[in-house]
Full PDB file with SEQRES, HELIX, SHEET, SSBOND, CRYST1, ORIGX, SCALE, CONECT and MASTER records, all heavy atoms in Angstrom:
SEQRES   1 A   37  GLU LEU ARG ASP ALA ALA ILE PRO GLY PHE LEU LEU LYS          
SEQRES   2 A   37  VAL THR PRO ALA GLY ARG LYS VAL PHE MET VAL ALA TYR          
SEQRES   3 A   37  ALA ALA ASN ASN GLY GLN ARG ARG LYS PRO ALA                  
SHEET    1 AA1 3 LEU A   2  ARG A   3  0                                        
SHEET    2 AA1 3 PHE A  10  VAL A  14 -1                                        
SHEET    3 AA1 3 LYS A  20  VAL A  24 -1                                        
CRYST1    1.000    1.000    1.000  90.00  90.00  90.00 P 1           1          
ORIGX1      1.000000  0.000000  0.000000        0.00000                         
ORIGX2      0.000000  1.000000  0.000000        0.00000                         
ORIGX3      0.000000  0.000000  1.000000        0.00000                         
SCALE1      1.000000  0.000000  0.000000        0.00000                         
SCALE2      0.000000  1.000000  0.000000        0.00000                         
SCALE3      0.000000  0.000000  1.000000        0.00000                         
ATOM      1  N   GLU A   1       8.359  -1.394   1.384  1.00  0.00           N  
ATOM      2  CA  GLU A   1       7.221  -0.530   1.694  1.00  0.00           C  
ATOM      3  C   GLU A   1       7.445   0.193   3.004  1.00  0.00           C  
ATOM      4  O   GLU A   1       7.966  -0.378   3.952  1.00  0.00           O  
ATOM      5  CB  GLU A   1       5.933  -1.363   1.786  1.00  0.00           C  
ATOM      6  CG  GLU A   1       5.586  -2.069   0.505  1.00  0.00           C  
ATOM      7  CD  GLU A   1       4.415  -3.025   0.655  1.00  0.00           C  
ATOM      8  OE1 GLU A   1       3.999  -3.289   1.810  1.00  0.00           O  
ATOM      9  OE2 GLU A   1       3.936  -3.508  -0.367  1.00  0.00           O  
ATOM     10  N   LEU A   2       7.022   1.443   3.031  1.00  0.00           N  
ATOM     11  CA  LEU A   2       6.976   2.226   4.255  1.00  0.00           C  
ATOM     12  C   LEU A   2       5.502   2.447   4.569  1.00  0.00           C  
ATOM     13  O   LEU A   2       4.784   3.038   3.769  1.00  0.00           O  
ATOM     14  CB  LEU A   2       7.685   3.578   4.070  1.00  0.00           C  
ATOM     15  CG  LEU A   2       9.168   3.540   3.763  1.00  0.00           C  
ATOM     16  CD1 LEU A   2       9.680   4.940   3.433  1.00  0.00           C  
ATOM     17  CD2 LEU A   2       9.933   2.959   4.927  1.00  0.00           C  
ATOM     18  N   ARG A   3       5.063   1.960   5.712  1.00  0.00           N  
ATOM     19  CA  ARG A   3       3.652   2.078   6.086  1.00  0.00           C  
ATOM     20  C   ARG A   3       3.430   3.288   6.974  1.00  0.00           C  
ATOM     21  O   ARG A   3       4.247   3.600   7.824  1.00  0.00           O  
ATOM     22  CB  ARG A   3       3.178   0.812   6.774  1.00  0.00           C  
ATOM     23  CG  ARG A   3       3.198  -0.363   5.819  1.00  0.00           C  
ATOM     24  CD  ARG A   3       2.419  -1.533   6.343  1.00  0.00           C  
ATOM     25  NE  ARG A   3       2.361  -2.563   5.330  1.00  0.00           N  
ATOM     26  CZ  ARG A   3       1.256  -2.880   4.672  1.00  0.00           C  
ATOM     27  NH1 ARG A   3       0.135  -2.262   4.924  1.00  0.00           N  
ATOM     28  NH2 ARG A   3       1.281  -3.831   3.768  1.00  0.00           N  
ATOM     29  N   ASP A   4       2.295   3.951   6.755  1.00  0.00           N  
ATOM     30  CA  ASP A   4       1.944   5.143   7.522  1.00  0.00           C  
ATOM     31  C   ASP A   4       1.401   4.743   8.882  1.00  0.00           C  
ATOM     32  O   ASP A   4       0.574   3.828   8.986  1.00  0.00           O  
ATOM     33  CB  ASP A   4       0.898   5.964   6.757  1.00  0.00           C  
ATOM     34  CG  ASP A   4       0.650   7.313   7.370  1.00  0.00           C  
ATOM     35  OD1 ASP A   4       1.627   7.980   7.749  1.00  0.00           O  
ATOM     36  OD2 ASP A   4      -0.529   7.702   7.466  1.00  0.00           O  
ATOM     37  N   ALA A   5       1.859   5.417   9.923  1.00  0.00           N  
ATOM     38  CA  ALA A   5       1.396   5.133  11.283  1.00  0.00           C  
ATOM     39  C   ALA A   5       0.028   5.758  11.537  1.00  0.00           C  
ATOM     40  O   ALA A   5      -0.734   5.261  12.364  1.00  0.00           O  
ATOM     41  CB  ALA A   5       2.405   5.647  12.302  1.00  0.00           C  
ATOM     42  N   ALA A   6      -0.306   6.825  10.823  1.00  0.00           N  
ATOM     43  CA  ALA A   6      -1.566   7.531  11.075  1.00  0.00           C  
ATOM     44  C   ALA A   6      -2.768   6.837  10.428  1.00  0.00           C  
ATOM     45  O   ALA A   6      -3.830   6.741  11.040  1.00  0.00           O  
ATOM     46  CB  ALA A   6      -1.465   8.968  10.569  1.00  0.00           C  
ATOM     47  N   ILE A   7      -2.609   6.368   9.203  1.00  0.00           N  
ATOM     48  CA  ILE A   7      -3.722   5.735   8.477  1.00  0.00           C  
ATOM     49  C   ILE A   7      -3.341   4.300   8.166  1.00  0.00           C  
ATOM     50  O   ILE A   7      -2.478   4.045   7.319  1.00  0.00           O  
ATOM     51  CB  ILE A   7      -4.033   6.477   7.165  1.00  0.00           C  
ATOM     52  CG1 ILE A   7      -4.401   7.923   7.456  1.00  0.00           C  
ATOM     53  CG2 ILE A   7      -5.147   5.779   6.411  1.00  0.00           C  
ATOM     54  CD1 ILE A   7      -4.565   8.755   6.221  1.00  0.00           C  
ATOM     55  N   PRO A   8      -3.963   3.326   8.826  1.00  0.00           N  
ATOM     56  CA  PRO A   8      -3.652   1.923   8.529  1.00  0.00           C  
ATOM     57  C   PRO A   8      -4.001   1.596   7.077  1.00  0.00           C  
ATOM     58  O   PRO A   8      -5.081   1.908   6.594  1.00  0.00           O  
ATOM     59  CB  PRO A   8      -4.549   1.147   9.487  1.00  0.00           C  
ATOM     60  CG  PRO A   8      -4.973   2.121  10.518  1.00  0.00           C  
ATOM     61  CD  PRO A   8      -4.945   3.471   9.885  1.00  0.00           C  
ATOM     62  N   GLY A   9      -3.062   0.997   6.379  1.00  0.00           N  
ATOM     63  CA  GLY A   9      -3.278   0.626   4.980  1.00  0.00           C  
ATOM     64  C   GLY A   9      -2.622   1.569   4.000  1.00  0.00           C  
ATOM     65  O   GLY A   9      -2.371   1.205   2.857  1.00  0.00           O  
ATOM     66  N   PHE A  10      -2.342   2.800   4.395  1.00  0.00           N  
ATOM     67  CA  PHE A  10      -1.687   3.762   3.516  1.00  0.00           C  
ATOM     68  C   PHE A  10      -0.191   3.491   3.536  1.00  0.00           C  
ATOM     69  O   PHE A  10       0.417   3.355   4.593  1.00  0.00           O  
ATOM     70  CB  PHE A  10      -1.988   5.190   3.988  1.00  0.00           C  
ATOM     71  CG  PHE A  10      -1.350   6.263   3.156  1.00  0.00           C  
ATOM     72  CD1 PHE A  10      -1.477   6.286   1.777  1.00  0.00           C  
ATOM     73  CD2 PHE A  10      -0.630   7.274   3.755  1.00  0.00           C  
ATOM     74  CE1 PHE A  10      -0.895   7.281   1.019  1.00  0.00           C  
ATOM     75  CE2 PHE A  10      -0.040   8.280   3.017  1.00  0.00           C  
ATOM     76  CZ  PHE A  10      -0.175   8.288   1.642  1.00  0.00           C  
ATOM     77  N   LEU A  11       0.431   3.374   2.349  1.00  0.00           N  
ATOM     78  CA  LEU A  11       1.846   3.031   2.314  1.00  0.00           C  
ATOM     79  C   LEU A  11       2.530   3.618   1.099  1.00  0.00           C  
ATOM     80  O   LEU A  11       1.881   4.063   0.147  1.00  0.00           O  
ATOM     81  CB  LEU A  11       2.036   1.513   2.351  1.00  0.00           C  
ATOM     82  CG  LEU A  11       1.397   0.687   1.239  1.00  0.00           C  
ATOM     83  CD1 LEU A  11       2.415   0.336   0.184  1.00  0.00           C  
ATOM     84  CD2 LEU A  11       0.823  -0.580   1.837  1.00  0.00           C  
ATOM     85  N   LEU A  12       3.849   3.613   1.157  1.00  0.00           N  
ATOM     86  CA  LEU A  12       4.680   4.050   0.053  1.00  0.00           C  
ATOM     87  C   LEU A  12       5.554   2.870  -0.354  1.00  0.00           C  
ATOM     88  O   LEU A  12       6.224   2.273   0.483  1.00  0.00           O  
ATOM     89  CB  LEU A  12       5.585   5.218   0.468  1.00  0.00           C  
ATOM     90  CG  LEU A  12       6.599   5.654  -0.587  1.00  0.00           C  
ATOM     91  CD1 LEU A  12       5.908   6.487  -1.651  1.00  0.00           C  
ATOM     92  CD2 LEU A  12       7.730   6.425   0.053  1.00  0.00           C  
ATOM     93  N   LYS A  13       5.541   2.528  -1.637  1.00  0.00           N  
ATOM     94  CA  LYS A  13       6.386   1.454  -2.146  1.00  0.00           C  
ATOM     95  C   LYS A  13       7.553   2.092  -2.889  1.00  0.00           C  
ATOM     96  O   LYS A  13       7.355   2.948  -3.759  1.00  0.00           O  
ATOM     97  CB  LYS A  13       5.607   0.544  -3.090  1.00  0.00           C  
ATOM     98  CG  LYS A  13       6.434  -0.589  -3.654  1.00  0.00           C  
ATOM     99  CD  LYS A  13       5.595  -1.488  -4.544  1.00  0.00           C  
ATOM    100  CE  LYS A  13       6.418  -2.648  -5.060  1.00  0.00           C  
ATOM    101  NZ  LYS A  13       5.602  -3.527  -5.902  1.00  0.00           N  
ATOM    102  N   VAL A  14       8.767   1.681  -2.533  1.00  0.00           N  
ATOM    103  CA  VAL A  14       9.976   2.174  -3.175  1.00  0.00           C  
ATOM    104  C   VAL A  14      10.581   1.012  -3.965  1.00  0.00           C  
ATOM    105  O   VAL A  14      10.886  -0.037  -3.397  1.00  0.00           O  
ATOM    106  CB  VAL A  14      10.988   2.708  -2.133  1.00  0.00           C  
ATOM    107  CG1 VAL A  14      12.224   3.259  -2.831  1.00  0.00           C  
ATOM    108  CG2 VAL A  14      10.348   3.764  -1.253  1.00  0.00           C  
ATOM    109  N   THR A  15      10.734   1.204  -5.270  1.00  0.00           N  
ATOM    110  CA  THR A  15      11.251   0.148  -6.133  1.00  0.00           C  
ATOM    111  C   THR A  15      12.771   0.277  -6.270  1.00  0.00           C  
ATOM    112  O   THR A  15      13.331   1.339  -5.989  1.00  0.00           O  
ATOM    113  CB  THR A  15      10.612   0.215  -7.534  1.00  0.00           C  
ATOM    114  OG1 THR A  15      11.040   1.422  -8.165  1.00  0.00           O  
ATOM    115  CG2 THR A  15       9.101   0.164  -7.465  1.00  0.00           C  
ATOM    116  N   PRO A  16      13.441  -0.764  -6.732  1.00  0.00           N  
ATOM    117  CA  PRO A  16      14.888  -0.683  -6.940  1.00  0.00           C  
ATOM    118  C   PRO A  16      15.290   0.413  -7.936  1.00  0.00           C  
ATOM    119  O   PRO A  16      16.395   0.938  -7.882  1.00  0.00           O  
ATOM    120  CB  PRO A  16      15.271  -2.056  -7.464  1.00  0.00           C  
ATOM    121  CG  PRO A  16      14.201  -2.964  -6.961  1.00  0.00           C  
ATOM    122  CD  PRO A  16      12.962  -2.137  -6.928  1.00  0.00           C  
ATOM    123  N   ALA A  17      14.410   0.754  -8.853  1.00  0.00           N  
ATOM    124  CA  ALA A  17      14.701   1.805  -9.834  1.00  0.00           C  
ATOM    125  C   ALA A  17      14.536   3.202  -9.246  1.00  0.00           C  
ATOM    126  O   ALA A  17      14.820   4.190  -9.914  1.00  0.00           O  
ATOM    127  CB  ALA A  17      13.789   1.645 -11.045  1.00  0.00           C  
ATOM    128  N   GLY A  18      14.030   3.278  -8.013  1.00  0.00           N  
ATOM    129  CA  GLY A  18      13.860   4.569  -7.363  1.00  0.00           C  
ATOM    130  C   GLY A  18      12.461   5.147  -7.483  1.00  0.00           C  
ATOM    131  O   GLY A  18      12.203   6.251  -7.012  1.00  0.00           O  
ATOM    132  N   ARG A  19      11.558   4.424  -8.104  1.00  0.00           N  
ATOM    133  CA  ARG A  19      10.180   4.899  -8.233  1.00  0.00           C  
ATOM    134  C   ARG A  19       9.499   4.802  -6.881  1.00  0.00           C  
ATOM    135  O   ARG A  19       9.624   3.804  -6.182  1.00  0.00           O  
ATOM    136  CB  ARG A  19       9.434   4.061  -9.259  1.00  0.00           C  
ATOM    137  CG  ARG A  19       7.993   4.507  -9.453  1.00  0.00           C  
ATOM    138  CD  ARG A  19       7.326   3.751 -10.539  1.00  0.00           C  
ATOM    139  NE  ARG A  19       7.812   4.315 -11.805  1.00  0.00           N  
ATOM    140  CZ  ARG A  19       7.617   3.757 -12.975  1.00  0.00           C  
ATOM    141  NH1 ARG A  19       6.973   2.631 -13.072  1.00  0.00           N  
ATOM    142  NH2 ARG A  19       8.066   4.331 -14.066  1.00  0.00           N  
ATOM    143  N   LYS A  20       8.760   5.842  -6.524  1.00  0.00           N  
ATOM    144  CA  LYS A  20       8.047   5.891  -5.248  1.00  0.00           C  
ATOM    145  C   LYS A  20       6.561   6.012  -5.543  1.00  0.00           C  
ATOM    146  O   LYS A  20       6.114   6.994  -6.131  1.00  0.00           O  
ATOM    147  CB  LYS A  20       8.539   7.072  -4.424  1.00  0.00           C  
ATOM    148  CG  LYS A  20      10.018   6.966  -4.098  1.00  0.00           C  
ATOM    149  CD  LYS A  20      10.556   8.209  -3.445  1.00  0.00           C  
ATOM    150  CE  LYS A  20      12.052   8.060  -3.216  1.00  0.00           C  
ATOM    151  NZ  LYS A  20      12.635   9.269  -2.657  1.00  0.00           N  
ATOM    152  N   VAL A  21       5.816   4.982  -5.148  1.00  0.00           N  
ATOM    153  CA  VAL A  21       4.396   4.895  -5.475  1.00  0.00           C  
ATOM    154  C   VAL A  21       3.586   4.795  -4.192  1.00  0.00           C  
ATOM    155  O   VAL A  21       3.861   3.949  -3.336  1.00  0.00           O  
ATOM    156  CB  VAL A  21       4.117   3.654  -6.364  1.00  0.00           C  
ATOM    157  CG1 VAL A  21       2.650   3.572  -6.725  1.00  0.00           C  
ATOM    158  CG2 VAL A  21       4.979   3.674  -7.597  1.00  0.00           C  
ATOM    159  N   PHE A  22       2.577   5.665  -4.072  1.00  0.00           N  
ATOM    160  CA  PHE A  22       1.658   5.584  -2.945  1.00  0.00           C  
ATOM    161  C   PHE A  22       0.638   4.496  -3.235  1.00  0.00           C  
ATOM    162  O   PHE A  22       0.137   4.382  -4.355  1.00  0.00           O  
ATOM    163  CB  PHE A  22       0.928   6.917  -2.734  1.00  0.00           C  
ATOM    164  CG  PHE A  22       1.840   8.033  -2.326  1.00  0.00           C  
ATOM    165  CD1 PHE A  22       2.148   9.056  -3.203  1.00  0.00           C  
ATOM    166  CD2 PHE A  22       2.382   8.059  -1.051  1.00  0.00           C  
ATOM    167  CE1 PHE A  22       2.980  10.080  -2.829  1.00  0.00           C  
ATOM    168  CE2 PHE A  22       3.226   9.092  -0.667  1.00  0.00           C  
ATOM    169  CZ  PHE A  22       3.524  10.102  -1.556  1.00  0.00           C  
ATOM    170  N   MET A  23       0.322   3.693  -2.221  1.00  0.00           N  
ATOM    171  CA  MET A  23      -0.633   2.598  -2.367  1.00  0.00           C  
ATOM    172  C   MET A  23      -1.514   2.548  -1.130  1.00  0.00           C  
ATOM    173  O   MET A  23      -1.199   3.160  -0.106  1.00  0.00           O  
ATOM    174  CB  MET A  23       0.101   1.270  -2.540  1.00  0.00           C  
ATOM    175  CG  MET A  23       1.066   1.243  -3.694  1.00  0.00           C  
ATOM    176  SD  MET A  23       2.007  -0.262  -3.769  1.00  0.00           S  
ATOM    177  CE  MET A  23       0.961  -1.196  -4.853  1.00  0.00           C  
ATOM    178  N   VAL A  24      -2.595   1.810  -1.248  1.00  0.00           N  
ATOM    179  CA  VAL A  24      -3.449   1.566  -0.082  1.00  0.00           C  
ATOM    180  C   VAL A  24      -3.751   0.068  -0.049  1.00  0.00           C  
ATOM    181  O   VAL A  24      -4.108  -0.526  -1.058  1.00  0.00           O  
ATOM    182  CB  VAL A  24      -4.732   2.431  -0.113  1.00  0.00           C  
ATOM    183  CG1 VAL A  24      -5.595   2.139  -1.305  1.00  0.00           C  
ATOM    184  CG2 VAL A  24      -5.514   2.297   1.158  1.00  0.00           C  
ATOM    185  N   ALA A  25      -3.553  -0.550   1.112  1.00  0.00           N  
ATOM    186  CA  ALA A  25      -3.788  -1.985   1.264  1.00  0.00           C  
ATOM    187  C   ALA A  25      -5.068  -2.189   2.064  1.00  0.00           C  
ATOM    188  O   ALA A  25      -5.280  -1.532   3.080  1.00  0.00           O  
ATOM    189  CB  ALA A  25      -2.612  -2.638   1.975  1.00  0.00           C  
ATOM    190  N   TYR A  26      -5.910  -3.098   1.590  1.00  0.00           N  
ATOM    191  CA  TYR A  26      -7.153  -3.394   2.292  1.00  0.00           C  
ATOM    192  C   TYR A  26      -7.624  -4.790   1.926  1.00  0.00           C  
ATOM    193  O   TYR A  26      -7.149  -5.377   0.959  1.00  0.00           O  
ATOM    194  CB  TYR A  26      -8.233  -2.361   1.973  1.00  0.00           C  
ATOM    195  CG  TYR A  26      -8.676  -2.342   0.519  1.00  0.00           C  
ATOM    196  CD1 TYR A  26      -9.726  -3.152   0.086  1.00  0.00           C  
ATOM    197  CD2 TYR A  26      -8.050  -1.533  -0.407  1.00  0.00           C  
ATOM    198  CE1 TYR A  26     -10.129  -3.146  -1.228  1.00  0.00           C  
ATOM    199  CE2 TYR A  26      -8.440  -1.515  -1.723  1.00  0.00           C  
ATOM    200  CZ  TYR A  26      -9.482  -2.321  -2.130  1.00  0.00           C  
ATOM    201  OH  TYR A  26      -9.882  -2.323  -3.441  1.00  0.00           O  
ATOM    202  N   ALA A  27      -8.549  -5.291   2.703  1.00  0.00           N  
ATOM    203  CA  ALA A  27      -9.193  -6.565   2.396  1.00  0.00           C  
ATOM    204  C   ALA A  27     -10.586  -6.258   1.865  1.00  0.00           C  
ATOM    205  O   ALA A  27     -11.369  -5.563   2.519  1.00  0.00           O  
ATOM    206  CB  ALA A  27      -9.281  -7.445   3.634  1.00  0.00           C  
ATOM    207  N   ALA A  28     -10.891  -6.752   0.682  1.00  0.00           N  
ATOM    208  CA  ALA A  28     -12.210  -6.516   0.079  1.00  0.00           C  
ATOM    209  C   ALA A  28     -13.269  -7.309   0.840  1.00  0.00           C  
ATOM    210  O   ALA A  28     -12.962  -8.135   1.704  1.00  0.00           O  
ATOM    211  CB  ALA A  28     -12.184  -6.919  -1.395  1.00  0.00           C  
ATOM    212  N   ASN A  29     -14.520  -7.059   0.498  1.00  0.00           N  
ATOM    213  CA  ASN A  29     -15.631  -7.725   1.191  1.00  0.00           C  
ATOM    214  C   ASN A  29     -15.581  -9.240   1.055  1.00  0.00           C  
ATOM    215  O   ASN A  29     -16.048  -9.959   1.921  1.00  0.00           O  
ATOM    216  CB  ASN A  29     -16.965  -7.201   0.661  1.00  0.00           C  
ATOM    217  CG  ASN A  29     -17.198  -5.771   1.052  1.00  0.00           C  
ATOM    218  OD1 ASN A  29     -16.564  -5.253   1.972  1.00  0.00           O  
ATOM    219  ND2 ASN A  29     -18.098  -5.099   0.357  1.00  0.00           N  
ATOM    220  N   ASN A  30     -14.983  -9.736  -0.035  1.00  0.00           N  
ATOM    221  CA  ASN A  30     -14.880 -11.185  -0.215  1.00  0.00           C  
ATOM    222  C   ASN A  30     -13.652 -11.763   0.480  1.00  0.00           C  
ATOM    223  O   ASN A  30     -13.361 -12.930   0.358  1.00  0.00           O  
ATOM    224  CB  ASN A  30     -14.864 -11.530  -1.707  1.00  0.00           C  
ATOM    225  CG  ASN A  30     -13.681 -10.938  -2.435  1.00  0.00           C  
ATOM    226  OD1 ASN A  30     -12.829 -10.273  -1.846  1.00  0.00           O  
ATOM    227  ND2 ASN A  30     -13.626 -11.160  -3.723  1.00  0.00           N  
ATOM    228  N   GLY A  31     -12.895 -10.922   1.214  1.00  0.00           N  
ATOM    229  CA  GLY A  31     -11.732 -11.381   1.942  1.00  0.00           C  
ATOM    230  C   GLY A  31     -10.436 -11.315   1.160  1.00  0.00           C  
ATOM    231  O   GLY A  31      -9.363 -11.525   1.703  1.00  0.00           O  
ATOM    232  N   GLN A  32     -10.516 -11.016  -0.113  1.00  0.00           N  
ATOM    233  CA  GLN A  32      -9.326 -10.955  -0.946  1.00  0.00           C  
ATOM    234  C   GLN A  32      -8.553  -9.662  -0.653  1.00  0.00           C  
ATOM    235  O   GLN A  32      -9.133  -8.590  -0.572  1.00  0.00           O  
ATOM    236  CB  GLN A  32      -9.727 -10.997  -2.415  1.00  0.00           C  
ATOM    237  CG  GLN A  32      -8.584 -11.195  -3.347  1.00  0.00           C  
ATOM    238  CD  GLN A  32      -9.066 -11.398  -4.775  1.00  0.00           C  
ATOM    239  OE1 GLN A  32     -10.195 -11.069  -5.104  1.00  0.00           O  
ATOM    240  NE2 GLN A  32      -8.214 -11.935  -5.610  1.00  0.00           N  
ATOM    241  N   ARG A  33      -7.253  -9.782  -0.499  1.00  0.00           N  
ATOM    242  CA  ARG A  33      -6.413  -8.620  -0.201  1.00  0.00           C  
ATOM    243  C   ARG A  33      -6.080  -7.872  -1.496  1.00  0.00           C  
ATOM    244  O   ARG A  33      -5.736  -8.484  -2.496  1.00  0.00           O  
ATOM    245  CB  ARG A  33      -5.130  -9.040   0.497  1.00  0.00           C  
ATOM    246  CG  ARG A  33      -5.407  -9.652   1.837  1.00  0.00           C  
ATOM    247  CD  ARG A  33      -4.156  -9.639   2.689  1.00  0.00           C  
ATOM    248  NE  ARG A  33      -4.445 -10.120   4.027  1.00  0.00           N  
ATOM    249  CZ  ARG A  33      -4.901  -9.363   5.016  1.00  0.00           C  
ATOM    250  NH1 ARG A  33      -5.142  -8.105   4.817  1.00  0.00           N  
ATOM    251  NH2 ARG A  33      -5.134  -9.881   6.200  1.00  0.00           N  
ATOM    252  N   ARG A  34      -6.174  -6.568  -1.418  1.00  0.00           N  
ATOM    253  CA  ARG A  34      -5.883  -5.716  -2.570  1.00  0.00           C  
ATOM    254  C   ARG A  34      -4.889  -4.640  -2.162  1.00  0.00           C  
ATOM    255  O   ARG A  34      -4.845  -4.228  -1.015  1.00  0.00           O  
ATOM    256  CB  ARG A  34      -7.152  -5.061  -3.080  1.00  0.00           C  
ATOM    257  CG  ARG A  34      -8.208  -6.065  -3.465  1.00  0.00           C  
ATOM    258  CD  ARG A  34      -8.946  -5.599  -4.684  1.00  0.00           C  
ATOM    259  NE  ARG A  34      -9.876  -6.590  -5.124  1.00  0.00           N  
ATOM    260  CZ  ARG A  34      -9.593  -7.557  -5.968  1.00  0.00           C  
ATOM    261  NH1 ARG A  34      -8.399  -7.656  -6.467  1.00  0.00           N  
ATOM    262  NH2 ARG A  34     -10.487  -8.426  -6.336  1.00  0.00           N  
ATOM    263  N   LYS A  35      -4.126  -4.185  -3.139  1.00  0.00           N  
ATOM    264  CA  LYS A  35      -3.162  -3.133  -2.880  1.00  0.00           C  
ATOM    265  C   LYS A  35      -3.047  -2.258  -4.138  1.00  0.00           C  
ATOM    266  O   LYS A  35      -2.034  -2.260  -4.829  1.00  0.00           O  
ATOM    267  CB  LYS A  35      -1.815  -3.744  -2.517  1.00  0.00           C  
ATOM    268  CG  LYS A  35      -0.941  -2.846  -1.668  1.00  0.00           C  
ATOM    269  CD  LYS A  35       0.436  -3.437  -1.433  1.00  0.00           C  
ATOM    270  CE  LYS A  35       0.405  -4.633  -0.526  1.00  0.00           C  
ATOM    271  NZ  LYS A  35       1.761  -5.133  -0.202  1.00  0.00           N  
ATOM    272  N   PRO A  36      -4.085  -1.469  -4.458  1.00  0.00           N  
ATOM    273  CA  PRO A  36      -4.024  -0.638  -5.663  1.00  0.00           C  
ATOM    274  C   PRO A  36      -3.118   0.574  -5.462  1.00  0.00           C  
ATOM    275  O   PRO A  36      -2.980   1.099  -4.358  1.00  0.00           O  
ATOM    276  CB  PRO A  36      -5.478  -0.211  -5.871  1.00  0.00           C  
ATOM    277  CG  PRO A  36      -6.086  -0.258  -4.521  1.00  0.00           C  
ATOM    278  CD  PRO A  36      -5.381  -1.375  -3.798  1.00  0.00           C  
ATOM    279  N   ALA A  37      -2.515   1.013  -6.551  1.00  0.00           N  
ATOM    280  CA  ALA A  37      -1.674   2.206  -6.533  1.00  0.00           C  
ATOM    281  C   ALA A  37      -2.563   3.446  -6.553  1.00  0.00           C  
ATOM    282  O   ALA A  37      -3.600   3.476  -7.228  1.00  0.00           O  
ATOM    283  CB  ALA A  37      -0.740   2.205  -7.729  1.00  0.00           C  
TER     284      ALA A  37                                                      
MASTER        0    0    0    0    3    0    0    6  283    1    0    3          
END                                                                             
């Protein structure tokens, strides 16, 4: 993952196959961590 310095939680995931997917990481209100594409 490459994380954005400007927006905390915004990131790019690079897979071994070369796929590049934008994601956002956050903690939900119940404390559970999520990382939807």
